Amino acid sequence: MKEIYISYHCNNCGKTSILITDEIEDTLKKDKYLSCSHCGSKRIFEEKKTNDLRKCMKHDSYKRKHGALRQVMHE
């Protein structure tokens, strides 16, 4: 069974993007390239493939700081 979601990590800015596999295949089939949605860098690498979106986001956690939710990344 083919995975639905793929998470990519940017070498330039260090941010993570989660993309849908069908859209990635369609983009690559049209001889185009993938790039970071935050900084535009082509230097991205694949982190994880999964069918469950929550598993792609599992490395992120959230905690309250002064009443607001803040994202805390753990390596």
PDB file of N, CA and C in Angstrom:
ATOM      1  N   MET A   1       0.835  -1.185   0.000  1.00  0.00           N
ATOM      2  CA  MET A   1       0.000   0.000   0.000  1.00  0.00           C
ATOM      3  C   MET A   1       0.877   1.246   0.000  1.00  0.00           C
ATOM      4  N   LYS A   2       0.522   2.194  -0.829  1.00  0.00           N
ATOM      5  CA  LYS A   2       1.313   3.408  -0.977  1.00  0.00           C
ATOM      6  C   LYS A   2       0.974   4.401   0.138  1.00  0.00           C
ATOM      7  N   GLU A   3       2.018   5.027   0.685  1.00  0.00           N
ATOM      8  CA  GLU A   3       1.811   6.025   1.729  1.00  0.00           C
ATOM      9  C   GLU A   3       1.222   7.296   1.130  1.00  0.00           C
ATOM     10  N   ILE A   4       0.424   8.006   1.917  1.00  0.00           N
ATOM     11  CA  ILE A   4      -0.261   9.204   1.436  1.00  0.00           C
ATOM     12  C   ILE A   4       0.570  10.454   1.658  1.00  0.00           C
ATOM     13  N   TYR A   5       1.228  10.553   2.807  1.00  0.00           N
ATOM     14  CA  TYR A   5       1.951  11.768   3.181  1.00  0.00           C
ATOM     15  C   TYR A   5       3.457  11.531   3.234  1.00  0.00           C
ATOM     16  N   ILE A   6       4.225  12.544   2.842  1.00  0.00           N
ATOM     17  CA  ILE A   6       5.686  12.510   2.954  1.00  0.00           C
ATOM     18  C   ILE A   6       6.121  13.819   3.591  1.00  0.00           C
ATOM     19  N   SER A   7       6.958  13.721   4.616  1.00  0.00           N
ATOM     20  CA  SER A   7       7.469  14.949   5.229  1.00  0.00           C
ATOM     21  C   SER A   7       8.880  15.204   4.711  1.00  0.00           C
ATOM     22  N   TYR A   8       9.150  16.460   4.400  1.00  0.00           N
ATOM     23  CA  TYR A   8      10.444  16.898   3.888  1.00  0.00           C
ATOM     24  C   TYR A   8      11.048  17.911   4.847  1.00  0.00           C
ATOM     25  N   HIS A   9      12.372  17.868   4.985  1.00  0.00           N
ATOM     26  CA  HIS A   9      13.106  18.796   5.849  1.00  0.00           C
ATOM     27  C   HIS A   9      14.069  19.601   4.980  1.00  0.00           C
ATOM     28  N   CYS A  10      14.091  20.923   5.182  1.00  0.00           N
ATOM     29  CA  CYS A  10      14.939  21.810   4.391  1.00  0.00           C
ATOM     30  C   CYS A  10      16.317  21.935   5.034  1.00  0.00           C
ATOM     31  N   ASN A  11      17.367  21.785   4.228  1.00  0.00           N
ATOM     32  CA  ASN A  11      18.734  21.956   4.734  1.00  0.00           C
ATOM     33  C   ASN A  11      19.071  23.422   4.950  1.00  0.00           C
ATOM     34  N   ASN A  12      18.416  24.317   4.239  1.00  0.00           N
ATOM     35  CA  ASN A  12      18.733  25.736   4.310  1.00  0.00           C
ATOM     36  C   ASN A  12      18.119  26.398   5.547  1.00  0.00           C
ATOM     37  N   CYS A  13      16.799  26.316   5.703  1.00  0.00           N
ATOM     38  CA  CYS A  13      16.134  27.009   6.812  1.00  0.00           C
ATOM     39  C   CYS A  13      15.800  26.085   7.978  1.00  0.00           C
ATOM     40  N   GLY A  14      15.835  24.764   7.776  1.00  0.00           N
ATOM     41  CA  GLY A  14      15.591  23.816   8.854  1.00  0.00           C
ATOM     42  C   GLY A  14      14.125  23.551   9.150  1.00  0.00           C
ATOM     43  N   LYS A  15      13.212  24.025   8.314  1.00  0.00           N
ATOM     44  CA  LYS A  15      11.786  23.828   8.554  1.00  0.00           C
ATOM     45  C   LYS A  15      11.295  22.578   7.844  1.00  0.00           C
ATOM     46  N   THR A  16      10.156  22.057   8.312  1.00  0.00           N
ATOM     47  CA  THR A  16       9.584  20.832   7.792  1.00  0.00           C
ATOM     48  C   THR A  16       8.308  21.125   7.022  1.00  0.00           C
ATOM     49  N   SER A  17       8.118  20.441   5.901  1.00  0.00           N
ATOM     50  CA  SER A  17       6.899  20.550   5.098  1.00  0.00           C
ATOM     51  C   SER A  17       6.329  19.159   4.903  1.00  0.00           C
ATOM     52  N   ILE A  18       5.004  19.044   4.969  1.00  0.00           N
ATOM     53  CA  ILE A  18       4.328  17.772   4.751  1.00  0.00           C
ATOM     54  C   ILE A  18       3.553  17.887   3.443  1.00  0.00           C
ATOM     55  N   LEU A  19       3.833  16.966   2.510  1.00  0.00           N
ATOM     56  CA  LEU A  19       3.220  17.011   1.179  1.00  0.00           C
ATOM     57  C   LEU A  19       2.475  15.714   0.892  1.00  0.00           C
ATOM     58  N   ILE A  20       1.538  15.770  -0.040  1.00  0.00           N
ATOM     59  CA  ILE A  20       0.772  14.599  -0.457  1.00  0.00           C
ATOM     60  C   ILE A  20       1.521  13.911  -1.593  1.00  0.00           C
ATOM     61  N   THR A  21       1.638  12.596  -1.499  1.00  0.00           N
ATOM     62  CA  THR A  21       2.436  11.804  -2.436  1.00  0.00           C
ATOM     63  C   THR A  21       1.972  11.964  -3.883  1.00  0.00           C
ATOM     64  N   ASP A  22       0.662  11.965  -4.118  1.00  0.00           N
ATOM     65  CA  ASP A  22       0.147  12.093  -5.487  1.00  0.00           C
ATOM     66  C   ASP A  22       0.554  13.422  -6.120  1.00  0.00           C
ATOM     67  N   GLU A  23       0.537  14.484  -5.339  1.00  0.00           N
ATOM     68  CA  GLU A  23       0.930  15.791  -5.864  1.00  0.00           C
ATOM     69  C   GLU A  23       2.429  15.836  -6.168  1.00  0.00           C
ATOM     70  N   ILE A  24       3.230  15.176  -5.351  1.00  0.00           N
ATOM     71  CA  ILE A  24       4.676  15.118  -5.582  1.00  0.00           C
ATOM     72  C   ILE A  24       4.969  14.368  -6.875  1.00  0.00           C
ATOM     73  N   GLU A  25       4.321  13.210  -7.058  1.00  0.00           N
ATOM     74  CA  GLU A  25       4.536  12.418  -8.265  1.00  0.00           C
ATOM     75  C   GLU A  25       4.111  13.187  -9.512  1.00  0.00           C
ATOM     76  N   ASP A  26       2.997  13.909  -9.431  1.00  0.00           N
ATOM     77  CA  ASP A  26       2.519  14.701 -10.563  1.00  0.00           C
ATOM     78  C   ASP A  26       3.509  15.813 -10.909  1.00  0.00           C
ATOM     79  N   THR A  27       4.060  16.463  -9.893  1.00  0.00           N
ATOM     80  CA  THR A  27       5.038  17.538 -10.115  1.00  0.00           C
ATOM     81  C   THR A  27       6.302  16.994 -10.761  1.00  0.00           C
ATOM     82  N   LEU A  28       6.816  15.884 -10.255  1.00  0.00           N
ATOM     83  CA  LEU A  28       8.045  15.305 -10.800  1.00  0.00           C
ATOM     84  C   LEU A  28       7.823  14.732 -12.199  1.00  0.00           C
ATOM     85  N   LYS A  29       6.603  14.245 -12.477  1.00  0.00           N
ATOM     86  CA  LYS A  29       6.287  13.703 -13.798  1.00  0.00           C
ATOM     87  C   LYS A  29       6.303  14.798 -14.864  1.00  0.00           C
ATOM     88  N   LYS A  30       5.980  16.017 -14.478  1.00  0.00           N
ATOM     89  CA  LYS A  30       5.976  17.155 -15.407  1.00  0.00           C
ATOM     90  C   LYS A  30       7.354  17.796 -15.530  1.00  0.00           C
ATOM     91  N   ASP A  31       8.393  17.103 -15.097  1.00  0.00           N
ATOM     92  CA  ASP A  31       9.785  17.572 -15.146  1.00  0.00           C
ATOM     93  C   ASP A  31       9.981  18.885 -14.396  1.00  0.00           C
ATOM     94  N   LYS A  32       9.306  19.016 -13.265  1.00  0.00           N
ATOM     95  CA  LYS A  32       9.498  20.168 -12.390  1.00  0.00           C
ATOM     96  C   LYS A  32      10.229  19.683 -11.145  1.00  0.00           C
ATOM     97  N   TYR A  33      10.544  20.568 -10.234  1.00  0.00           N
ATOM     98  CA  TYR A  33      11.313  20.188  -9.051  1.00  0.00           C
ATOM     99  C   TYR A  33      10.568  20.573  -7.777  1.00  0.00           C
ATOM    100  N   LEU A  34      10.959  19.959  -6.674  1.00  0.00           N
ATOM    101  CA  LEU A  34      10.412  20.293  -5.363  1.00  0.00           C
ATOM    102  C   LEU A  34      11.331  21.294  -4.691  1.00  0.00           C
ATOM    103  N   SER A  35      10.743  22.213  -3.951  1.00  0.00           N
ATOM    104  CA  SER A  35      11.535  23.183  -3.202  1.00  0.00           C
ATOM    105  C   SER A  35      10.844  23.468  -1.875  1.00  0.00           C
ATOM    106  N   CYS A  36      11.578  24.072  -0.972  1.00  0.00           N
ATOM    107  CA  CYS A  36      11.058  24.439   0.341  1.00  0.00           C
ATOM    108  C   CYS A  36       9.998  25.529   0.169  1.00  0.00           C
ATOM    109  N   SER A  37       8.875  25.366   0.835  1.00  0.00           N
ATOM    110  CA  SER A  37       7.802  26.360   0.722  1.00  0.00           C
ATOM    111  C   SER A  37       8.083  27.606   1.552  1.00  0.00           C
ATOM    112  N   HIS A  38       9.064  27.534   2.442  1.00  0.00           N
ATOM    113  CA  HIS A  38       9.382  28.673   3.303  1.00  0.00           C
ATOM    114  C   HIS A  38      10.459  29.572   2.703  1.00  0.00           C
ATOM    115  N   CYS A  39      11.542  28.964   2.193  1.00  0.00           N
ATOM    116  CA  CYS A  39      12.663  29.773   1.702  1.00  0.00           C
ATOM    117  C   CYS A  39      12.945  29.585   0.211  1.00  0.00           C
ATOM    118  N   GLY A  40      12.346  28.567  -0.433  1.00  0.00           N
ATOM    119  CA  GLY A  40      12.537  28.355  -1.862  1.00  0.00           C
ATOM    120  C   GLY A  40      13.756  27.520  -2.227  1.00  0.00           C
ATOM    121  N   SER A  41      14.457  26.981  -1.245  1.00  0.00           N
ATOM    122  CA  SER A  41      15.659  26.190  -1.503  1.00  0.00           C
ATOM    123  C   SER A  41      15.295  24.832  -2.108  1.00  0.00           C
ATOM    124  N   LYS A  42      16.137  24.348  -3.027  1.00  0.00           N
ATOM    125  CA  LYS A  42      15.942  23.025  -3.618  1.00  0.00           C
ATOM    126  C   LYS A  42      16.585  21.931  -2.768  1.00  0.00           C
ATOM    127  N   ARG A  43      17.321  22.315  -1.735  1.00  0.00           N
ATOM    128  CA  ARG A  43      18.029  21.341  -0.904  1.00  0.00           C
ATOM    129  C   ARG A  43      17.110  20.831   0.210  1.00  0.00           C
ATOM    130  N   ILE A  44      16.158  19.962  -0.153  1.00  0.00           N
ATOM    131  CA  ILE A  44      15.272  19.348   0.821  1.00  0.00           C
ATOM    132  C   ILE A  44      15.475  17.842   0.771  1.00  0.00           C
ATOM    133  N   PHE A  45      15.284  17.173   1.905  1.00  0.00           N
ATOM    134  CA  PHE A  45      15.401  15.725   1.912  1.00  0.00           C
ATOM    135  C   PHE A  45      14.199  15.116   2.613  1.00  0.00           C
ATOM    136  N   GLU A  46      13.892  13.900   2.204  1.00  0.00           N
ATOM    137  CA  GLU A  46      12.724  13.188   2.692  1.00  0.00           C
ATOM    138  C   GLU A  46      12.983  12.670   4.101  1.00  0.00           C
ATOM    139  N   GLU A  47      12.042  12.928   5.010  1.00  0.00           N
ATOM    140  CA  GLU A  47      12.177  12.450   6.377  1.00  0.00           C
ATOM    141  C   GLU A  47      11.387  11.173   6.612  1.00  0.00           C
ATOM    142  N   LYS A  48      10.078  11.212   6.345  1.00  0.00           N
ATOM    143  CA  LYS A  48       9.216  10.103   6.725  1.00  0.00           C
ATOM    144  C   LYS A  48       8.047   9.977   5.759  1.00  0.00           C
ATOM    145  N   LYS A  49       7.671   8.720   5.442  1.00  0.00           N
ATOM    146  CA  LYS A  49       6.475   8.438   4.647  1.00  0.00           C
ATOM    147  C   LYS A  49       5.478   7.740   5.560  1.00  0.00           C
ATOM    148  N   THR A  50       4.220   8.145   5.502  1.00  0.00           N
ATOM    149  CA  THR A  50       3.211   7.523   6.350  1.00  0.00           C
ATOM    150  C   THR A  50       1.812   7.738   5.787  1.00  0.00           C
ATOM    151  N   ASN A  51       0.865   6.947   6.274  1.00  0.00           N
ATOM    152  CA  ASN A  51      -0.538   7.104   5.909  1.00  0.00           C
ATOM    153  C   ASN A  51      -1.279   7.983   6.906  1.00  0.00           C
ATOM    154  N   ASP A  52      -0.711   8.165   8.085  1.00  0.00           N
ATOM    155  CA  ASP A  52      -1.357   8.926   9.149  1.00  0.00           C
ATOM    156  C   ASP A  52      -0.649  10.265   9.317  1.00  0.00           C
ATOM    157  N   LEU A  53      -1.379  11.340   9.141  1.00  0.00           N
ATOM    158  CA  LEU A  53      -0.798  12.678   9.241  1.00  0.00           C
ATOM    159  C   LEU A  53      -0.246  12.954  10.637  1.00  0.00           C
ATOM    160  N   ARG A  54      -0.870  12.372  11.656  1.00  0.00           N
ATOM    161  CA  ARG A  54      -0.398  12.585  13.030  1.00  0.00           C
ATOM    162  C   ARG A  54       1.003  12.023  13.245  1.00  0.00           C
ATOM    163  N   LYS A  55       1.358  10.962  12.529  1.00  0.00           N
ATOM    164  CA  LYS A  55       2.705  10.401  12.670  1.00  0.00           C
ATOM    165  C   LYS A  55       3.753  11.315  12.047  1.00  0.00           C
ATOM    166  N   CYS A  56       3.382  12.041  10.994  1.00  0.00           N
ATOM    167  CA  CYS A  56       4.306  13.018  10.413  1.00  0.00           C
ATOM    168  C   CYS A  56       4.561  14.163  11.375  1.00  0.00           C
ATOM    169  N   MET A  57       3.569  14.499  12.158  1.00  0.00           N
ATOM    170  CA  MET A  57       3.674  15.637  13.062  1.00  0.00           C
ATOM    171  C   MET A  57       4.094  15.233  14.474  1.00  0.00           C
ATOM    172  N   LYS A  58       4.416  13.970  14.690  1.00  0.00           N
ATOM    173  CA  LYS A  58       4.697  13.473  16.031  1.00  0.00           C
ATOM    174  C   LYS A  58       5.943  14.107  16.643  1.00  0.00           C
ATOM    175  N   HIS A  59       6.909  14.522  15.854  1.00  0.00           N
ATOM    176  CA  HIS A  59       8.140  15.093  16.392  1.00  0.00           C
ATOM    177  C   HIS A  59       7.925  16.482  16.979  1.00  0.00           C
ATOM    178  N   ASP A  60       6.779  17.098  16.679  1.00  0.00           N
ATOM    179  CA  ASP A  60       6.480  18.428  17.217  1.00  0.00           C
ATOM    180  C   ASP A  60       5.656  18.291  18.490  1.00  0.00           C
ATOM    181  N   SER A  61       5.895  19.149  19.437  1.00  0.00           N
ATOM    182  CA  SER A  61       5.068  19.192  20.632  1.00  0.00           C
ATOM    183  C   SER A  61       4.742  20.640  20.934  1.00  0.00           C
ATOM    184  N   TYR A  62       3.727  20.829  21.726  1.00  0.00           N
ATOM    185  CA  TYR A  62       3.237  22.166  22.001  1.00  0.00           C
ATOM    186  C   TYR A  62       3.145  22.376  23.507  1.00  0.00           C
ATOM    187  N   LYS A  63       3.453  23.588  23.991  1.00  0.00           N
ATOM    188  CA  LYS A  63       3.284  23.910  25.401  1.00  0.00           C
ATOM    189  C   LYS A  63       2.817  25.352  25.523  1.00  0.00           C
ATOM    190  N   ARG A  64       2.210  25.644  26.664  1.00  0.00           N
ATOM    191  CA  ARG A  64       1.685  26.989  26.897  1.00  0.00           C
ATOM    192  C   ARG A  64       2.760  27.897  27.461  1.00  0.00           C
ATOM    193  N   LYS A  65       2.809  29.104  26.923  1.00  0.00           N
ATOM    194  CA  LYS A  65       3.724  30.120  27.423  1.00  0.00           C
ATOM    195  C   LYS A  65       2.951  31.430  27.466  1.00  0.00           C
ATOM    196  N   HIS A  66       2.725  31.933  28.663  1.00  0.00           N
ATOM    197  CA  HIS A  66       1.951  33.161  28.883  1.00  0.00           C
ATOM    198  C   HIS A  66       0.556  33.065  28.265  1.00  0.00           C
ATOM    199  N   GLY A  67      -0.068  31.888  28.369  1.00  0.00           N
ATOM    200  CA  GLY A  67      -1.431  31.698  27.888  1.00  0.00           C
ATOM    201  C   GLY A  67      -1.558  31.338  26.424  1.00  0.00           C
ATOM    202  N   ALA A  68      -0.479  31.409  25.662  1.00  0.00           N
ATOM    203  CA  ALA A  68      -0.528  31.086  24.231  1.00  0.00           C
ATOM    204  C   ALA A  68       0.189  29.767  23.970  1.00  0.00           C
ATOM    205  N   LEU A  69      -0.285  29.028  22.976  1.00  0.00           N
ATOM    206  CA  LEU A  69       0.376  27.780  22.602  1.00  0.00           C
ATOM    207  C   LEU A  69       1.605  28.080  21.771  1.00  0.00           C
ATOM    208  N   ARG A  70       2.717  27.464  22.111  1.00  0.00           N
ATOM    209  CA  ARG A  70       3.972  27.625  21.378  1.00  0.00           C
ATOM    210  C   ARG A  70       4.428  26.247  20.922  1.00  0.00           C
ATOM    211  N   GLN A  71       4.961  26.182  19.716  1.00  0.00           N
ATOM    212  CA  GLN A  71       5.477  24.928  19.195  1.00  0.00           C
ATOM    213  C   GLN A  71       6.910  24.751  19.664  1.00  0.00           C
ATOM    214  N   VAL A  72       7.192  23.567  20.222  1.00  0.00           N
ATOM    215  CA  VAL A  72       8.527  23.248  20.698  1.00  0.00           C
ATOM    216  C   VAL A  72       9.005  22.038  19.917  1.00  0.00           C
ATOM    217  N   MET A  73      10.136  22.161  19.232  1.00  0.00           N
ATOM    218  CA  MET A  73      10.659  21.052  18.445  1.00  0.00           C
ATOM    219  C   MET A  73      11.714  20.316  19.243  1.00  0.00           C
ATOM    220  N   HIS A  74      11.591  18.997  19.265  1.00  0.00           N
ATOM    221  CA  HIS A  74      12.559  18.148  19.945  1.00  0.00           C
ATOM    222  C   HIS A  74      13.312  17.351  18.902  1.00  0.00           C
ATOM    223  N   GLU A  75      14.595  17.270  19.021  1.00  0.00           N
ATOM    224  CA  GLU A  75      15.420  16.535  18.054  1.00  0.00           C
ATOM    225  C   GLU A  75      15.562  15.107  18.494  1.00  0.00           C
TER     226      GLU A  75
END
